[in-house]
Structure formats: structure tokens, C-alpha cells
N, C-alpha and C. Protein backbone atom coordinates (compact mmCIF):
# COMPACT_ATOMS: atom_id res chain seq x y z
N MET A 1 0.85 -1.24 -0.04
CA MET A 1 -0.08 -0.03 0.05
C MET A 1 0.83 1.21 -0.01
N ASN A 2 0.67 2.09 -0.93
CA ASN A 2 1.45 3.36 -1.17
C ASN A 2 1.06 4.35 0.14
N SER A 3 2.18 4.93 0.59
CA SER A 3 2.06 6.02 1.64
C SER A 3 1.22 7.24 0.95
N LYS A 4 0.65 7.96 1.87
CA LYS A 4 -0.07 9.19 1.36
C LYS A 4 0.90 10.14 0.81
N LEU A 5 0.61 10.79 -0.24
CA LEU A 5 1.57 11.96 -0.80
C LEU A 5 1.07 13.27 -0.14
N MET A 6 2.03 14.16 0.20
CA MET A 6 1.94 15.37 0.79
C MET A 6 2.46 16.48 -0.11
N LYS A 7 1.94 17.57 0.16
CA LYS A 7 2.13 18.78 -0.59
C LYS A 7 2.41 20.04 0.15
N ILE A 8 3.44 20.81 -0.22
CA ILE A 8 3.79 22.06 0.43
C ILE A 8 2.81 23.13 -0.28
N THR A 9 1.85 23.58 0.73
CA THR A 9 0.68 24.34 0.19
C THR A 9 0.84 25.87 0.43
N ARG A 10 1.70 26.26 1.29
CA ARG A 10 1.87 27.56 1.66
C ARG A 10 3.32 27.90 2.28
N ILE A 11 3.84 29.11 2.04
CA ILE A 11 5.02 29.62 2.67
C ILE A 11 4.65 30.98 3.00
N SER A 12 5.07 31.33 4.32
CA SER A 12 4.45 32.51 4.90
C SER A 12 5.67 32.99 5.77
N LYS A 13 5.94 34.36 5.76
CA LYS A 13 7.10 35.01 6.51
C LYS A 13 6.43 35.23 7.99
N GLN A 14 7.37 34.82 8.90
CA GLN A 14 7.04 35.21 10.30
C GLN A 14 7.20 36.81 10.63
N LYS A 15 6.32 37.16 11.39
CA LYS A 15 6.48 38.57 11.77
C LYS A 15 7.74 38.94 12.57
N ASN A 16 8.50 40.01 12.20
CA ASN A 16 9.68 40.38 12.95
C ASN A 16 10.82 39.37 13.01
N HIS A 17 10.77 38.45 12.01
CA HIS A 17 11.77 37.27 12.08
C HIS A 17 12.27 37.12 10.65
N ARG A 18 13.44 36.55 10.58
CA ARG A 18 13.96 36.12 9.09
C ARG A 18 13.66 34.73 8.94
N LYS A 19 12.45 34.19 9.28
CA LYS A 19 12.06 32.95 9.20
C LYS A 19 10.81 32.80 8.41
N TYR A 20 10.48 31.68 7.66
CA TYR A 20 9.39 31.36 7.01
C TYR A 20 8.72 30.03 7.52
N ASN A 21 7.41 30.14 7.56
CA ASN A 21 6.70 28.98 8.06
C ASN A 21 6.10 28.22 6.75
N ILE A 22 6.37 26.86 6.94
CA ILE A 22 6.07 25.91 5.82
C ILE A 22 4.85 25.08 6.22
N PHE A 23 3.84 25.25 5.36
CA PHE A 23 2.50 24.50 5.57
C PHE A 23 2.53 23.34 4.71
N ILE A 24 2.07 22.20 5.08
CA ILE A 24 1.87 21.07 4.30
C ILE A 24 0.45 20.63 4.36
N ASP A 25 -0.14 20.43 3.21
CA ASP A 25 -1.59 20.06 3.18
C ASP A 25 -2.36 21.08 4.02
N GLY A 26 -1.94 22.33 4.05
CA GLY A 26 -2.77 23.26 4.79
C GLY A 26 -2.49 23.47 6.12
N LYS A 27 -1.60 22.77 6.78
CA LYS A 27 -1.26 22.67 8.16
C LYS A 27 0.39 23.14 8.23
N TYR A 28 0.61 24.02 9.39
CA TYR A 28 2.02 24.28 9.61
C TYR A 28 2.57 23.12 10.15
N VAL A 29 3.89 22.91 9.56
CA VAL A 29 4.68 21.86 10.04
C VAL A 29 6.11 22.15 10.64
N PHE A 30 6.70 23.11 9.92
CA PHE A 30 8.10 23.57 10.44
C PHE A 30 8.43 24.99 9.79
N SER A 31 9.50 25.56 10.27
CA SER A 31 9.91 26.83 9.85
C SER A 31 11.42 26.67 9.23
N VAL A 32 11.74 27.53 8.45
CA VAL A 32 13.14 27.70 7.82
C VAL A 32 13.52 29.12 7.78
N SER A 33 14.91 29.21 7.80
CA SER A 33 15.49 30.62 7.47
C SER A 33 15.41 31.06 6.26
N SER A 34 15.64 32.25 6.02
CA SER A 34 15.64 32.77 4.46
C SER A 34 16.76 32.11 3.75
N LYS A 35 17.80 31.95 4.22
CA LYS A 35 18.94 31.09 3.67
C LYS A 35 18.50 29.73 3.18
N ALA A 36 17.93 29.13 4.15
CA ALA A 36 17.44 27.62 3.80
C ALA A 36 16.34 27.70 2.70
N LEU A 37 15.52 28.70 2.76
CA LEU A 37 14.37 28.94 1.75
C LEU A 37 15.02 28.95 0.29
N VAL A 38 16.19 29.65 0.23
CA VAL A 38 16.89 29.87 -1.07
C VAL A 38 17.61 28.53 -1.49
N LYS A 39 18.43 28.01 -0.46
CA LYS A 39 19.27 26.99 -0.71
C LYS A 39 18.48 25.82 -1.05
N PHE A 40 17.39 25.53 -0.52
CA PHE A 40 16.48 24.37 -0.96
C PHE A 40 15.31 24.58 -1.97
N ASN A 41 15.41 25.89 -2.56
CA ASN A 41 14.51 26.15 -3.61
C ASN A 41 13.03 25.94 -3.23
N PHE A 42 12.57 26.48 -2.15
CA PHE A 42 11.27 26.19 -1.65
C PHE A 42 10.20 26.68 -2.41
N ASN A 43 10.55 27.74 -3.13
CA ASN A 43 9.46 28.32 -4.11
C ASN A 43 9.18 27.41 -5.18
N GLN A 44 10.19 26.45 -5.65
CA GLN A 44 10.14 25.63 -6.56
C GLN A 44 9.40 24.28 -6.18
N LEU A 45 9.55 24.03 -4.75
CA LEU A 45 9.08 23.06 -4.11
C LEU A 45 7.44 23.03 -3.98
N SER A 46 7.09 24.33 -3.97
CA SER A 46 5.63 24.46 -3.63
C SER A 46 4.73 23.71 -4.66
N ASP A 47 3.82 23.10 -4.11
CA ASP A 47 2.78 22.18 -4.88
C ASP A 47 3.40 20.96 -5.49
N GLN A 48 4.64 20.71 -5.17
CA GLN A 48 5.20 19.40 -5.28
C GLN A 48 4.76 18.42 -4.36
N GLU A 49 4.58 17.01 -4.80
CA GLU A 49 4.08 16.10 -3.77
C GLU A 49 5.24 15.29 -3.25
N PHE A 50 5.10 14.99 -1.96
CA PHE A 50 6.37 14.27 -1.29
C PHE A 50 5.64 13.07 -0.60
N GLU A 51 6.46 11.99 -0.59
CA GLU A 51 6.10 10.95 0.39
C GLU A 51 6.65 11.40 1.85
N GLN A 52 6.31 10.67 2.79
CA GLN A 52 6.75 10.95 4.12
C GLN A 52 8.23 10.92 4.28
N GLU A 53 8.80 9.79 3.80
CA GLU A 53 10.26 9.49 3.79
C GLU A 53 11.04 10.70 3.04
N ASP A 54 10.55 11.15 1.93
CA ASP A 54 11.39 12.29 1.23
C ASP A 54 11.03 13.35 1.98
N LEU A 55 9.98 13.74 2.67
CA LEU A 55 9.94 14.88 3.53
C LEU A 55 10.85 14.97 4.73
N SER A 56 10.96 13.73 5.38
CA SER A 56 11.67 13.51 6.46
C SER A 56 13.12 13.78 6.24
N GLU A 57 13.62 13.22 5.01
CA GLU A 57 15.00 13.51 4.59
C GLU A 57 15.33 15.04 4.24
N LEU A 58 14.32 15.58 3.66
CA LEU A 58 14.44 16.98 3.46
C LEU A 58 14.67 17.78 4.74
N LYS A 59 14.00 17.50 5.65
CA LYS A 59 13.81 18.10 7.08
C LYS A 59 15.27 17.92 7.76
N LYS A 60 15.76 16.94 7.54
CA LYS A 60 17.00 16.43 8.15
C LYS A 60 18.22 17.32 7.51
N LYS A 61 18.13 17.46 6.21
CA LYS A 61 19.03 18.20 5.45
C LYS A 61 18.94 19.78 5.86
N ILE A 62 17.75 20.11 5.93
CA ILE A 62 17.55 21.63 6.40
C ILE A 62 18.15 21.77 7.79
N SER A 63 17.77 20.83 8.70
CA SER A 63 18.29 21.00 10.12
C SER A 63 19.92 21.06 10.09
N LEU A 64 20.49 20.17 9.38
CA LEU A 64 21.92 20.19 9.29
C LEU A 64 22.40 21.67 8.71
N PHE A 65 21.73 21.95 7.74
CA PHE A 65 22.18 23.41 7.13
C PHE A 65 22.08 24.43 8.09
N GLU A 66 20.93 24.49 8.75
CA GLU A 66 20.61 25.65 9.78
C GLU A 66 21.65 25.71 10.82
N CYS A 67 21.87 24.36 11.24
CA CYS A 67 22.93 24.29 12.40
C CYS A 67 24.36 24.65 11.89
N GLU A 68 24.60 24.33 10.88
CA GLU A 68 25.99 24.56 10.30
C GLU A 68 26.19 26.03 10.12
N ASN A 69 25.02 26.81 9.68
CA ASN A 69 25.01 28.24 9.40
C ASN A 69 25.28 28.81 10.84
N ALA A 70 24.53 28.28 11.79
CA ALA A 70 24.67 28.96 13.27
C ALA A 70 26.05 28.75 13.72
N LEU A 71 26.73 27.61 13.35
CA LEU A 71 28.06 27.44 13.71
C LEU A 71 29.00 28.45 13.16
N ILE A 72 28.94 28.68 11.80
CA ILE A 72 29.59 29.54 11.02
C ILE A 72 29.53 30.87 11.55
N ASP A 73 28.37 31.44 11.75
CA ASP A 73 27.89 32.73 12.35
C ASP A 73 28.73 32.87 13.79
N PHE A 74 28.68 31.86 14.44
CA PHE A 74 29.30 31.79 15.85
C PHE A 74 30.82 32.03 15.89
N LEU A 75 31.39 31.42 14.81
CA LEU A 75 32.87 31.49 14.59
C LEU A 75 33.29 32.74 13.90
N GLN A 76 32.54 33.54 13.34
CA GLN A 76 32.75 34.51 12.46
C GLN A 76 33.80 35.53 12.99
N TYR A 77 33.63 35.92 14.35
CA TYR A 77 34.42 37.07 14.76
C TYR A 77 35.58 36.57 15.52
N ARG A 78 35.58 35.45 16.18
CA ARG A 78 36.79 34.88 16.90
C ARG A 78 36.52 33.36 17.05
N MET A 79 37.76 32.78 17.44
CA MET A 79 37.71 31.40 17.85
C MET A 79 36.92 31.01 19.21
N ARG A 80 36.36 29.93 19.20
CA ARG A 80 35.50 29.55 20.32
C ARG A 80 36.10 28.06 20.78
N SER A 81 35.80 27.91 22.06
CA SER A 81 36.15 26.52 22.55
C SER A 81 35.01 25.56 22.26
N GLU A 82 35.43 24.25 22.24
CA GLU A 82 34.40 23.21 21.85
C GLU A 82 33.24 23.35 22.74
N LYS A 83 33.42 23.53 23.97
CA LYS A 83 32.26 23.77 24.85
C LYS A 83 31.37 24.76 24.43
N GLU A 84 31.92 25.99 24.15
CA GLU A 84 31.14 27.13 23.76
C GLU A 84 30.29 26.70 22.67
N ILE A 85 30.84 26.04 21.63
CA ILE A 85 30.27 25.66 20.37
C ILE A 85 29.11 24.88 20.43
N VAL A 86 29.37 23.70 21.40
CA VAL A 86 28.21 22.79 21.60
C VAL A 86 27.13 23.44 22.42
N SER A 87 27.45 24.27 23.42
CA SER A 87 26.46 25.00 24.14
C SER A 87 25.44 25.97 23.33
N LYS A 88 26.26 26.55 22.31
CA LYS A 88 25.54 27.43 21.33
C LYS A 88 24.50 26.65 20.42
N LEU A 89 25.04 25.54 19.83
CA LEU A 89 24.26 24.77 18.95
C LEU A 89 23.06 24.10 19.65
N LYS A 90 23.14 23.81 21.02
CA LYS A 90 22.05 23.25 21.80
C LYS A 90 20.99 24.33 21.77
N THR A 91 21.44 25.62 22.14
CA THR A 91 20.45 26.72 22.29
C THR A 91 19.60 26.94 21.02
N LYS A 92 20.31 26.58 19.85
CA LYS A 92 19.66 26.66 18.46
C LYS A 92 18.81 25.48 18.28
N GLY A 93 18.77 24.61 19.26
CA GLY A 93 17.87 23.48 19.01
C GLY A 93 18.42 22.31 18.11
N CYS A 94 19.69 22.34 17.90
CA CYS A 94 20.32 21.29 17.09
C CYS A 94 20.43 19.96 17.91
N LYS A 95 20.26 18.82 17.24
CA LYS A 95 20.21 17.63 17.89
C LYS A 95 21.58 17.10 18.15
N PRO A 96 21.76 16.18 19.14
CA PRO A 96 23.16 15.68 19.56
C PRO A 96 23.96 15.10 18.52
N GLU A 97 23.28 14.42 17.61
CA GLU A 97 23.98 13.72 16.51
C GLU A 97 24.47 14.77 15.58
N ILE A 98 23.67 15.76 15.14
CA ILE A 98 24.05 16.83 14.19
C ILE A 98 25.34 17.64 14.91
N ILE A 99 25.24 18.00 16.25
CA ILE A 99 26.32 18.67 16.81
C ILE A 99 27.63 17.84 16.72
N THR A 100 27.50 16.65 17.03
CA THR A 100 28.69 15.81 16.95
C THR A 100 29.33 15.60 15.51
N GLU A 101 28.49 15.60 14.55
CA GLU A 101 28.90 15.68 13.23
C GLU A 101 29.61 16.94 12.85
N LEU A 102 28.89 18.06 13.21
CA LEU A 102 29.56 19.36 12.84
C LEU A 102 30.88 19.62 13.72
N VAL A 103 30.87 19.28 15.01
CA VAL A 103 32.12 19.49 15.70
C VAL A 103 33.24 18.69 15.07
N ASN A 104 33.19 17.49 14.69
CA ASN A 104 34.10 16.71 14.08
C ASN A 104 34.58 17.25 12.80
N LYS A 105 33.61 17.72 11.93
CA LYS A 105 33.95 18.36 10.76
C LYS A 105 34.73 19.54 10.82
N TYR A 106 34.32 20.47 11.69
CA TYR A 106 35.07 21.66 11.82
C TYR A 106 36.40 21.45 12.75
N LYS A 107 36.54 20.43 13.40
CA LYS A 107 37.79 20.01 14.01
C LYS A 107 38.86 19.59 12.90
N ASN A 108 38.32 18.82 12.04
CA ASN A 108 39.04 18.43 10.83
C ASN A 108 39.54 19.57 9.99
N PHE A 109 38.72 20.66 9.85
CA PHE A 109 39.02 21.94 9.10
C PHE A 109 40.01 22.83 10.03
N GLY A 110 40.17 22.58 11.30
CA GLY A 110 40.88 23.19 12.08
C GLY A 110 40.35 24.52 12.78
N TYR A 111 39.07 24.65 12.52
CA TYR A 111 38.36 25.84 13.03
C TYR A 111 37.97 25.53 14.49
N ILE A 112 38.02 24.37 15.10
CA ILE A 112 37.69 24.08 16.44
C ILE A 112 38.91 23.41 16.88
N ASN A 113 39.58 24.02 17.90
CA ASN A 113 40.91 23.42 18.48
C ASN A 113 41.19 24.07 19.80
N ASP A 114 40.79 23.36 20.76
CA ASP A 114 41.03 23.89 22.24
C ASP A 114 42.52 24.24 22.48
N ASN A 115 43.39 23.56 22.05
CA ASN A 115 44.77 23.87 22.16
C ASN A 115 45.12 25.37 21.78
N VAL A 116 44.65 25.53 20.54
CA VAL A 116 44.92 26.89 19.87
C VAL A 116 44.13 27.93 20.55
N PHE A 117 42.84 27.59 20.80
CA PHE A 117 41.90 28.51 21.39
C PHE A 117 42.56 28.96 22.81
N ALA A 118 42.79 28.02 23.65
CA ALA A 118 43.23 28.26 24.96
C ALA A 118 44.43 29.23 25.02
N GLU A 119 45.37 28.98 24.15
CA GLU A 119 46.52 29.69 24.22
C GLU A 119 46.32 31.13 23.72
N SER A 120 45.40 31.27 22.73
CA SER A 120 45.01 32.61 22.13
C SER A 120 44.28 33.44 23.12
N TYR A 121 43.34 32.70 23.87
CA TYR A 121 42.57 33.29 24.94
C TYR A 121 43.17 33.79 25.93
N LEU A 122 44.28 32.98 26.53
CA LEU A 122 45.15 33.45 27.67
C LEU A 122 45.96 34.57 27.30
N LEU A 123 46.44 34.70 26.06
CA LEU A 123 47.29 35.78 25.71
C LEU A 123 46.60 37.05 25.40
N ASP A 124 45.33 36.93 25.09
CA ASP A 124 44.44 38.13 25.00
C ASP A 124 44.09 38.59 26.27
N LEU A 125 43.92 37.77 27.41
CA LEU A 125 43.70 38.17 28.65
C LEU A 125 44.83 38.83 29.36
N ILE A 126 46.02 38.29 29.14
CA ILE A 126 47.28 39.03 29.66
C ILE A 126 47.56 40.37 28.92
N SER A 127 47.28 40.46 27.76
CA SER A 127 47.61 41.68 27.01
C SER A 127 46.64 42.80 27.31
N HIS A 128 45.32 42.32 27.32
CA HIS A 128 44.17 43.47 27.17
C HIS A 128 43.26 43.36 28.48
N HIS A 129 43.37 42.40 29.27
CA HIS A 129 42.34 42.30 30.29
C HIS A 129 43.14 41.77 31.61
N PRO A 130 44.19 42.49 32.00
CA PRO A 130 45.04 41.95 33.11
C PRO A 130 44.22 41.45 34.35
N GLN A 131 44.51 40.38 34.84
CA GLN A 131 43.83 39.85 36.18
C GLN A 131 44.79 38.56 36.63
N GLY A 132 44.56 38.28 37.75
CA GLY A 132 45.34 37.21 38.35
C GLY A 132 45.30 35.93 37.88
N LYS A 133 46.31 34.96 38.23
CA LYS A 133 46.28 33.72 37.74
C LYS A 133 45.03 32.86 38.02
N TYR A 134 44.49 32.93 39.24
CA TYR A 134 43.46 32.23 39.58
C TYR A 134 42.12 32.64 38.88
N SER A 135 41.98 33.84 38.53
CA SER A 135 40.91 34.17 37.75
C SER A 135 41.03 33.75 36.26
N ILE A 136 42.17 33.83 35.65
CA ILE A 136 42.32 33.28 34.40
C ILE A 136 42.18 31.75 34.35
N ILE A 137 42.49 31.01 35.31
CA ILE A 137 42.36 29.65 35.32
C ILE A 137 40.92 29.36 35.55
N ASN A 138 40.20 30.03 36.11
CA ASN A 138 38.68 29.80 36.36
C ASN A 138 38.15 30.08 35.08
N LYS A 139 38.43 31.05 34.38
CA LYS A 139 37.73 31.48 33.02
C LYS A 139 38.12 30.40 31.99
N LEU A 140 39.25 29.89 31.94
CA LEU A 140 39.72 28.79 31.06
C LEU A 140 38.72 27.51 31.35
N LYS A 141 38.49 27.26 32.59
CA LYS A 141 37.68 26.08 33.04
C LYS A 141 36.20 26.38 32.59
N VAL A 142 35.82 27.62 32.84
CA VAL A 142 34.47 27.74 32.24
C VAL A 142 34.32 27.52 30.73
N LYS A 143 35.41 27.82 30.08
CA LYS A 143 35.38 27.61 28.50
C LYS A 143 35.46 26.20 28.16
N GLY A 144 35.68 25.29 29.18
CA GLY A 144 35.64 23.76 28.94
C GLY A 144 37.22 23.39 28.69
N ILE A 145 38.10 24.16 29.10
CA ILE A 145 39.52 23.69 28.85
C ILE A 145 40.05 22.77 29.96
N ASN A 146 40.63 21.74 29.73
CA ASN A 146 40.90 20.64 30.63
C ASN A 146 42.13 21.15 31.34
N GLN A 147 42.36 20.67 32.63
CA GLN A 147 43.24 21.13 33.62
C GLN A 147 44.74 20.83 33.12
N GLU A 148 44.94 19.75 32.49
CA GLU A 148 46.36 19.48 31.75
C GLU A 148 46.68 20.56 30.87
N LEU A 149 45.87 21.00 30.05
CA LEU A 149 46.15 22.05 29.05
C LEU A 149 46.28 23.46 29.77
N ILE A 150 45.43 23.56 30.69
CA ILE A 150 45.58 24.91 31.40
C ILE A 150 46.92 25.03 32.15
N ASN A 151 47.38 23.93 32.76
CA ASN A 151 48.68 23.92 33.47
C ASN A 151 49.77 24.19 32.33
N GLU A 152 49.59 23.68 31.36
CA GLU A 152 50.66 23.70 30.18
C GLU A 152 50.81 25.31 29.77
N ILE A 153 49.77 25.78 29.46
CA ILE A 153 49.81 27.20 28.86
C ILE A 153 50.22 28.31 29.99
N ILE A 154 49.70 27.99 31.26
CA ILE A 154 50.04 28.90 32.33
C ILE A 154 51.50 28.87 32.61
N GLU A 155 52.07 27.73 32.53
CA GLU A 155 53.55 27.46 32.83
C GLU A 155 54.30 28.24 31.68
N LYS A 156 53.78 28.10 30.46
CA LYS A 156 54.56 28.79 29.32
C LYS A 156 54.43 30.17 29.25
N HIS A 157 53.26 30.71 29.69
CA HIS A 157 52.91 32.15 29.29
C HIS A 157 52.88 33.20 30.63
N LEU A 158 52.45 32.55 31.69
CA LEU A 158 52.18 33.26 32.91
C LEU A 158 52.95 33.12 33.93
N THR A 159 54.23 33.68 33.86
CA THR A 159 55.29 33.56 34.99
C THR A 159 54.94 34.54 36.01
N TYR A 160 55.76 34.21 37.29
CA TYR A 160 55.38 35.10 38.51
C TYR A 160 55.62 36.65 38.03
N GLU A 161 56.69 36.86 37.37
CA GLU A 161 56.98 38.27 37.03
C GLU A 161 55.81 38.81 36.10
N LYS A 162 55.30 38.12 35.28
CA LYS A 162 54.20 38.56 34.35
C LYS A 162 52.92 38.85 35.27
N GLU A 163 52.62 37.98 36.11
CA GLU A 163 51.44 38.09 36.95
C GLU A 163 51.74 39.37 37.72
N LYS A 164 52.87 39.62 38.34
CA LYS A 164 53.17 40.76 39.13
C LYS A 164 53.14 42.25 38.31
N GLU A 165 53.42 42.02 37.03
CA GLU A 165 53.33 43.24 36.16
C GLU A 165 51.85 43.53 35.93
N MET A 166 51.11 42.54 35.65
CA MET A 166 49.66 42.77 35.57
C MET A 166 48.86 43.26 36.77
N ALA A 167 49.24 42.78 37.96
CA ALA A 167 48.83 43.23 39.17
C ALA A 167 49.19 44.88 39.44
N GLU A 168 50.30 45.25 39.01
CA GLU A 168 50.76 46.42 39.07
C GLU A 168 49.93 47.43 38.19
N ARG A 169 49.70 46.96 36.89
CA ARG A 169 48.71 47.60 36.06
C ARG A 169 47.41 47.90 36.53
N ASN A 170 46.90 46.79 37.22
CA ASN A 170 45.56 46.89 37.67
C ASN A 170 45.49 47.87 38.91
N LEU A 171 46.54 47.86 39.75
CA LEU A 171 46.51 48.79 40.93
C LEU A 171 46.86 50.19 40.40
N ASN A 172 47.61 50.48 39.47
CA ASN A 172 47.87 51.72 39.04
C ASN A 172 46.51 52.44 38.57
N ILE A 173 45.75 51.56 37.88
CA ILE A 173 44.45 52.34 37.32
C ILE A 173 43.55 52.60 38.49
N GLN A 174 43.43 51.78 39.55
CA GLN A 174 42.66 51.96 40.57
C GLN A 174 43.12 52.76 41.70
N MET A 175 44.48 53.09 41.80
CA MET A 175 45.20 53.67 42.97
C MET A 175 44.45 54.85 43.64
N TYR A 176 43.79 55.66 42.72
CA TYR A 176 43.05 56.89 43.17
C TYR A 176 41.97 56.50 44.20
N ARG A 177 41.47 55.39 44.16
CA ARG A 177 40.41 54.94 45.16
C ARG A 177 41.10 54.76 46.64
N PHE A 178 42.44 54.63 46.68
CA PHE A 178 42.94 54.28 47.92
C PHE A 178 43.79 55.44 48.65
N LYS A 179 44.04 56.55 47.89
CA LYS A 179 44.85 57.61 48.27
C LYS A 179 44.59 58.17 49.57
N LYS A 180 43.22 58.48 49.83
CA LYS A 180 42.84 59.20 50.98
C LYS A 180 42.59 58.20 52.20
N LEU A 181 42.95 57.04 52.18
CA LEU A 181 42.78 56.07 53.31
C LEU A 181 44.10 56.09 54.08
N SER A 182 43.91 55.68 55.25
CA SER A 182 45.24 55.61 56.21
C SER A 182 46.03 54.53 55.77
N PRO A 183 47.34 54.53 56.06
CA PRO A 183 48.17 53.50 55.54
C PRO A 183 47.72 52.00 55.74
N LYS A 184 47.31 51.78 57.04
CA LYS A 184 46.84 50.50 57.20
C LYS A 184 45.53 50.05 56.47
N GLU A 185 44.54 50.95 56.48
CA GLU A 185 43.42 50.77 55.73
C GLU A 185 43.55 50.65 54.11
N ARG A 186 44.56 51.45 53.66
CA ARG A 186 44.89 51.39 52.30
C ARG A 186 45.51 50.11 51.88
N LYS A 187 46.48 49.56 52.77
CA LYS A 187 47.01 48.31 52.64
C LYS A 187 45.96 47.11 52.64
N ASN A 188 45.08 47.22 53.52
CA ASN A 188 44.20 46.00 53.54
C ASN A 188 43.21 46.18 52.31
N LYS A 189 42.78 47.41 51.95
CA LYS A 189 41.95 47.55 50.71
C LYS A 189 42.56 47.11 49.50
N ILE A 190 43.87 47.37 49.32
CA ILE A 190 44.63 47.04 48.08
C ILE A 190 44.65 45.54 48.13
N LEU A 191 44.97 44.92 49.19
CA LEU A 191 45.28 43.43 49.23
C LEU A 191 43.82 42.80 48.82
N ALA A 192 42.71 43.32 49.34
CA ALA A 192 41.44 42.64 49.03
C ALA A 192 41.10 42.83 47.64
N PHE A 193 41.43 44.01 47.08
CA PHE A 193 41.20 44.45 45.65
C PHE A 193 41.92 43.38 44.74
N LEU A 194 43.26 43.26 44.96
CA LEU A 194 44.02 42.31 44.21
C LEU A 194 43.62 40.80 44.22
N GLN A 195 43.13 40.43 45.45
CA GLN A 195 42.74 39.05 45.64
C GLN A 195 41.33 38.77 44.83
N ARG A 196 40.52 39.96 44.88
CA ARG A 196 39.33 39.91 44.15
C ARG A 196 39.53 39.69 42.58
N LYS A 197 40.54 40.33 42.09
CA LYS A 197 41.05 40.17 40.76
C LYS A 197 41.78 38.81 40.45
N GLY A 198 41.87 38.02 41.41
CA GLY A 198 42.46 36.61 41.13
C GLY A 198 43.81 36.57 41.38
N TYR A 199 44.64 37.41 42.08
CA TYR A 199 46.00 37.43 42.10
C TYR A 199 46.23 36.64 43.52
N SER A 200 47.36 35.81 43.47
CA SER A 200 47.66 35.12 44.66
C SER A 200 48.20 36.01 45.78
N LYS A 201 48.31 35.57 46.91
CA LYS A 201 48.64 36.32 48.17
C LYS A 201 49.99 36.60 47.97
N ALA A 202 50.81 35.82 47.38
CA ALA A 202 52.28 36.11 47.26
C ALA A 202 52.57 37.31 46.35
N VAL A 203 51.80 37.39 45.28
CA VAL A 203 51.72 38.58 44.37
C VAL A 203 51.17 39.76 45.02
N ALA A 204 50.06 39.79 45.54
CA ALA A 204 49.33 40.79 46.30
C ALA A 204 50.31 41.34 47.46
N TYR A 205 50.95 40.53 48.20
CA TYR A 205 51.67 41.20 49.27
C TYR A 205 53.11 41.73 48.73
N LYS A 206 53.53 41.08 47.58
CA LYS A 206 54.83 41.64 47.09
C LYS A 206 54.57 43.17 46.55
N ILE A 207 53.52 43.49 45.89
CA ILE A 207 53.30 44.82 45.34
C ILE A 207 52.65 45.77 46.38
N ASN A 208 52.35 45.25 47.63
CA ASN A 208 51.66 46.05 48.44
C ASN A 208 52.47 46.23 49.74
N LYS A 209 53.68 46.52 49.59
CA LYS A 209 54.42 46.45 50.92
C LYS A 209 54.32 47.93 51.43
């Protein structure tokens, strides 16, 4: 017995969105982006008849296309960690198997590489967002970087002298806040400030003599 044939009977644009609703046999079934609308020639597909199997295959291809575009958009301005990418694709409603497929694909392309990302991210923090080692380590963990890699790049790039230099930069910017305090209070406030910025006690005490 042949399965029932279905037909795309209407395509309508959503209000205030760049998406289009797809109606099959008069009923809303799914939505697509404007890019997918063009990519899969939906205007030509209108009034064509589909079997359920063909429609399911089309929806899978659209889902993969939409998720890949979301990934490309997310990578457009800077590198991201694998954890960031997986989290982003989940928020876009991408299925686990599609996320795995795309992550593996873009790892092979070299666009997803936690080793490269972690080192670049660390150097950016050191250069443009000075903060203590503990703060940097925590941010790398939040990005999903494993402890072994964190230890490796910290040892390579974040020496005691470099952390001390960053602490001095932070303190110089904020020193006006402490000038009117008594010596004892100023010392305690500076120590607390540096520790909030993630600096070790050794570094904090060193520049707060």
C-alpha cells in the first residue's frame, strides 16, 4: 500500500523574524531561515508532492544546514572553545547527532581546536584584560579547557613576573580609590582588591609593601 502523498501548500514569513513557516496540506509543519528557503528552492518545491520518507529526509538536510550556518556565524568574529560551540548549538535546537557531526567536521578543518583557542584566549587576557592567575584559570575552566592544558599554557606564558606586572597595572588604574585612606586601611583595601582580581597572596603582598 502506497503512503499518502503530501504537498507544500503555503509559505509565509514570520513577523519580525527572518524565518518562514512551511505549511503542508494546509497545516503548519516547520519553519526555515531565509537562507534555507533559497538553498532548498522552496518556491520551486511548492505544490510538489512528497512521500513521508522524502519529507523527513528534506527536514534532516535543512536541520543540518541551519545548524552549520549557526556554527559559522558563531565562529565569524573569533575562535571558540568546543564547549562554547556545543552549548551554542544546543540553544539553537540542534540535535546531539548533528552537533557531533559538525564539531568533528570543523575540528578536521582546524576551526575548532581547544589547544589553539586556550593559548590565544590566555594571551588576550594577559595583553588586554590583566587579572590574576586564579581568575584566568577559572575562566579557562568555564570555557571547557581541561586542567592539563591549562597547566601547560599557564606555565608557558604566565610567569610570576608577568602576573606581578599585571597586578601593578591593575593597581595603578585603581590607585586613586585608595589615596585618602590611612596606611593600614589602604594596605588592607589594596590586598582585598588584588585578591578579588584573582591574584595570589604572594603577588598581592609583593606589590603592597
